Protein backbone atom coordinates (compact mmCIF):
# COMPACT_ATOMS: atom_id res chain seq x y z
CA MET A 1 88.94 85.53 119.09
CA GLN A 2 85.56 86.55 118.17
CA ILE A 3 84.09 89.91 119.09
CA LEU A 4 80.92 91.09 118.45
CA PHE A 5 79.74 94.40 117.92
CA LEU A 6 76.33 95.19 119.40
CA CYS A 7 74.08 98.21 118.61
CA THR A 8 70.03 98.68 118.77
CA GLY A 9 69.20 98.43 114.76
CA ASN A 10 71.83 96.88 113.79
CA SER A 11 72.50 99.15 110.62
CA CYS A 12 75.00 101.55 110.85
CA ARG A 13 77.82 101.56 113.15
CA SER A 14 77.74 97.91 114.74
CA ILE A 15 77.89 96.80 110.93
CA ILE A 16 80.85 99.24 109.68
CA ALA A 17 82.87 98.02 112.92
CA GLU A 18 82.04 94.33 111.94
CA ALA A 19 82.83 94.86 108.25
CA THR A 20 85.80 97.09 108.91
CA PHE A 21 87.43 94.62 111.41
CA ASN A 22 86.76 91.59 109.58
CA HIS A 23 89.04 93.53 106.96
CA LEU A 24 91.79 94.22 108.76
CA ALA A 25 91.92 91.62 111.65
CA PRO A 26 94.59 88.55 111.64
CA ALA A 27 92.75 85.16 110.68
CA HIS A 28 92.60 83.83 113.77
CA MET A 29 90.16 87.06 115.06
CA HIS A 30 86.66 87.65 113.32
CA ALA A 31 83.86 90.10 114.24
CA MET A 32 79.87 89.74 113.92
CA SER A 33 77.38 92.37 114.51
CA ALA A 34 74.05 92.05 116.00
CA GLY A 35 71.13 94.33 117.52
CA SER A 36 68.86 94.31 120.43
CA GLN A 37 65.80 95.34 118.05
CA PRO A 38 67.07 95.34 114.59
CA THR A 39 66.06 97.37 111.49
CA GLY A 40 66.13 94.66 109.27
CA GLU A 41 68.31 96.53 106.67
CA ILE A 42 71.64 98.39 106.22
CA HIS A 43 71.68 101.88 106.15
CA PRO A 44 72.44 102.67 102.31
CA LYS A 45 75.25 105.21 103.23
CA SER A 46 76.56 102.28 105.56
CA ILE A 47 77.40 100.19 102.62
CA ALA A 48 78.38 103.40 99.93
CA LEU A 49 80.95 104.39 102.98
CA LEU A 50 82.51 100.92 103.37
CA GLN A 51 82.49 100.65 99.53
CA ALA A 52 84.50 103.52 99.18
CA LYS A 53 86.89 102.80 101.24
CA GLY A 54 87.50 99.00 99.89
CA ILE A 55 85.87 97.08 102.51
CA SER A 56 83.87 94.33 101.11
CA THR A 57 79.69 94.40 102.19
CA GLU A 58 79.25 91.06 100.77
CA GLY A 59 77.49 88.58 103.67
CA TYR A 60 76.42 91.52 106.14
CA TYR A 61 72.76 91.96 106.94
CA SER A 62 70.87 93.04 110.02
CA LYS A 63 70.41 90.70 112.27
CA SER A 64 69.44 90.07 116.09
CA TRP A 65 71.32 89.22 119.45
CA ALA A 66 69.01 86.17 119.49
CA ASN A 67 70.64 84.28 116.21
CA LEU A 68 74.13 84.70 116.99
CA PRO A 69 76.33 81.71 115.13
CA GLN A 70 78.54 81.42 117.65
CA THR A 71 79.16 82.63 121.56
CA PRO A 72 81.22 85.74 120.91
CA ASP A 73 84.91 86.36 123.77
CA ILE A 74 84.28 89.93 123.63
CA VAL A 75 80.92 92.02 123.75
CA ILE A 76 81.45 96.34 122.04
CA THR A 77 78.37 98.03 122.53
CA VAL A 78 78.84 101.23 119.78
CA CYS A 79 76.03 102.44 120.66
CA SER A 80 74.58 104.80 123.91
CA HIS A 81 71.51 102.59 123.65
CA ALA A 82 72.48 99.16 123.96
CA ALA A 83 75.03 99.82 126.22
CA GLY A 84 71.93 99.81 129.01
CA GLU A 85 70.51 96.69 127.51
CA THR A 86 71.17 93.09 128.99
CA CYS A 87 73.29 90.96 126.96
CA PRO A 88 71.27 87.69 126.02
CA ALA A 89 71.94 84.76 129.40
CA TYR A 90 73.51 82.23 126.88
CA LEU A 91 76.53 84.98 125.96
CA GLY A 92 77.42 84.20 129.89
CA ASN A 93 80.44 85.29 131.25
CA VAL A 94 81.89 87.13 128.19
CA MET A 95 84.24 90.44 128.34
CA ARG A 96 82.28 93.56 127.40
CA ALA A 97 83.39 96.91 126.77
CA HIS A 98 81.32 100.31 125.36
CA TRP A 99 82.71 102.04 122.23
CA GLY A 100 80.03 104.40 121.94
CA VAL A 101 79.52 106.50 118.43
CA GLU A 102 77.31 108.99 117.48
CA ASP A 103 74.15 107.53 115.37
CA PRO A 104 74.81 108.75 111.73
CA ALA A 105 71.23 107.87 110.73
CA LYS A 106 69.90 110.37 113.35
CA VAL A 107 71.62 112.82 111.69
CA SER A 108 69.47 115.82 109.20
CA GLY A 109 70.62 118.25 107.53
CA SER A 110 72.71 118.66 104.10
CA GLU A 111 73.87 115.82 102.02
CA GLU A 112 77.32 117.12 103.11
CA GLU A 113 76.29 116.84 106.68
CA ILE A 114 75.23 113.74 106.95
CA GLN A 115 77.70 112.13 104.59
CA ALA A 116 80.48 113.77 107.55
CA SER A 117 78.81 112.11 110.53
CA PHE A 118 79.05 108.79 108.60
CA GLU A 119 82.54 109.54 107.58
CA GLN A 120 83.28 110.56 111.49
CA ALA A 121 81.49 107.49 112.67
CA TYR A 122 84.25 105.21 110.77
CA ARG A 123 86.82 107.19 111.27
CA VAL A 124 86.05 106.83 115.28
CA LEU A 125 85.60 103.34 114.77
CA SER A 126 88.34 102.13 112.32
CA ALA A 127 90.74 104.00 114.85
CA ARG A 128 88.90 102.01 117.66
CA ILE A 129 89.92 98.85 115.94
CA ALA A 130 93.44 99.82 114.54
CA ALA A 131 94.63 100.68 118.52
CA PHE A 132 92.70 97.14 119.41
CA LEU A 133 94.27 95.39 116.96
CA ALA A 134 97.83 96.77 118.05
CA LEU A 135 97.52 95.23 121.34
CA ASP A 136 99.90 92.20 122.10
CA LEU A 137 99.28 88.24 122.90
CA ALA A 138 100.13 89.48 126.29
CA VAL A 139 97.53 91.69 126.59
CA LEU A 140 94.81 89.34 124.69
CA ASN A 141 95.84 86.72 127.35
CA ASP A 142 94.93 88.75 130.59
CA ARG A 143 91.68 89.36 130.79
CA VAL A 144 92.14 92.52 133.48
CA VAL A 145 94.84 94.18 131.24
CA LEU A 146 92.61 93.60 128.16
CA GLN A 147 89.13 94.98 130.16
CA SER A 148 91.01 97.96 131.15
CA LYS A 149 92.74 98.64 127.35
CA LEU A 150 88.87 98.04 126.21
CA GLN A 151 87.74 100.29 127.94
CA ALA A 152 90.34 103.02 127.39
CA ILE A 153 90.45 102.39 123.38
CA GLY A 154 86.99 103.29 123.87
CA GLN A 155 87.78 106.55 124.53
CA ILE A 156 89.58 107.40 121.14
CA MET A 157 87.90 110.08 119.06
CA SER A 158 90.08 109.22 115.76
């Protein structure tokens, strides 16, 4: 099963979700991430956060949804801008869900406040990913039930 985490910039939330998912997922599941308007670089605080959590950052980079190596089975948007954007036609009839998370890259304030926003994004995304990975095989094979579960998982706040 291929999961695509989609965001506008593909520098923070979608990268954090991709790396965390791949770190936790069984071998038959894989995540990728992309952006509709990628920044071209991963936010340094995203890299530092993932490394602090013991999650590899090797091979991850900011990329466009126009250059996906595979067609995903599920597209999960993680920012409000991407939720309203149209996915490319070649993605076909893929399942979609929205797991909105505040953008830590847009937070201003003290270093502690900025770091706390990255931690919060990670907590929310990792809780949602864990809930997804806890679904049993019967749910994963039932598109109607899975769609409902994906929407519910998007409401988990940590």
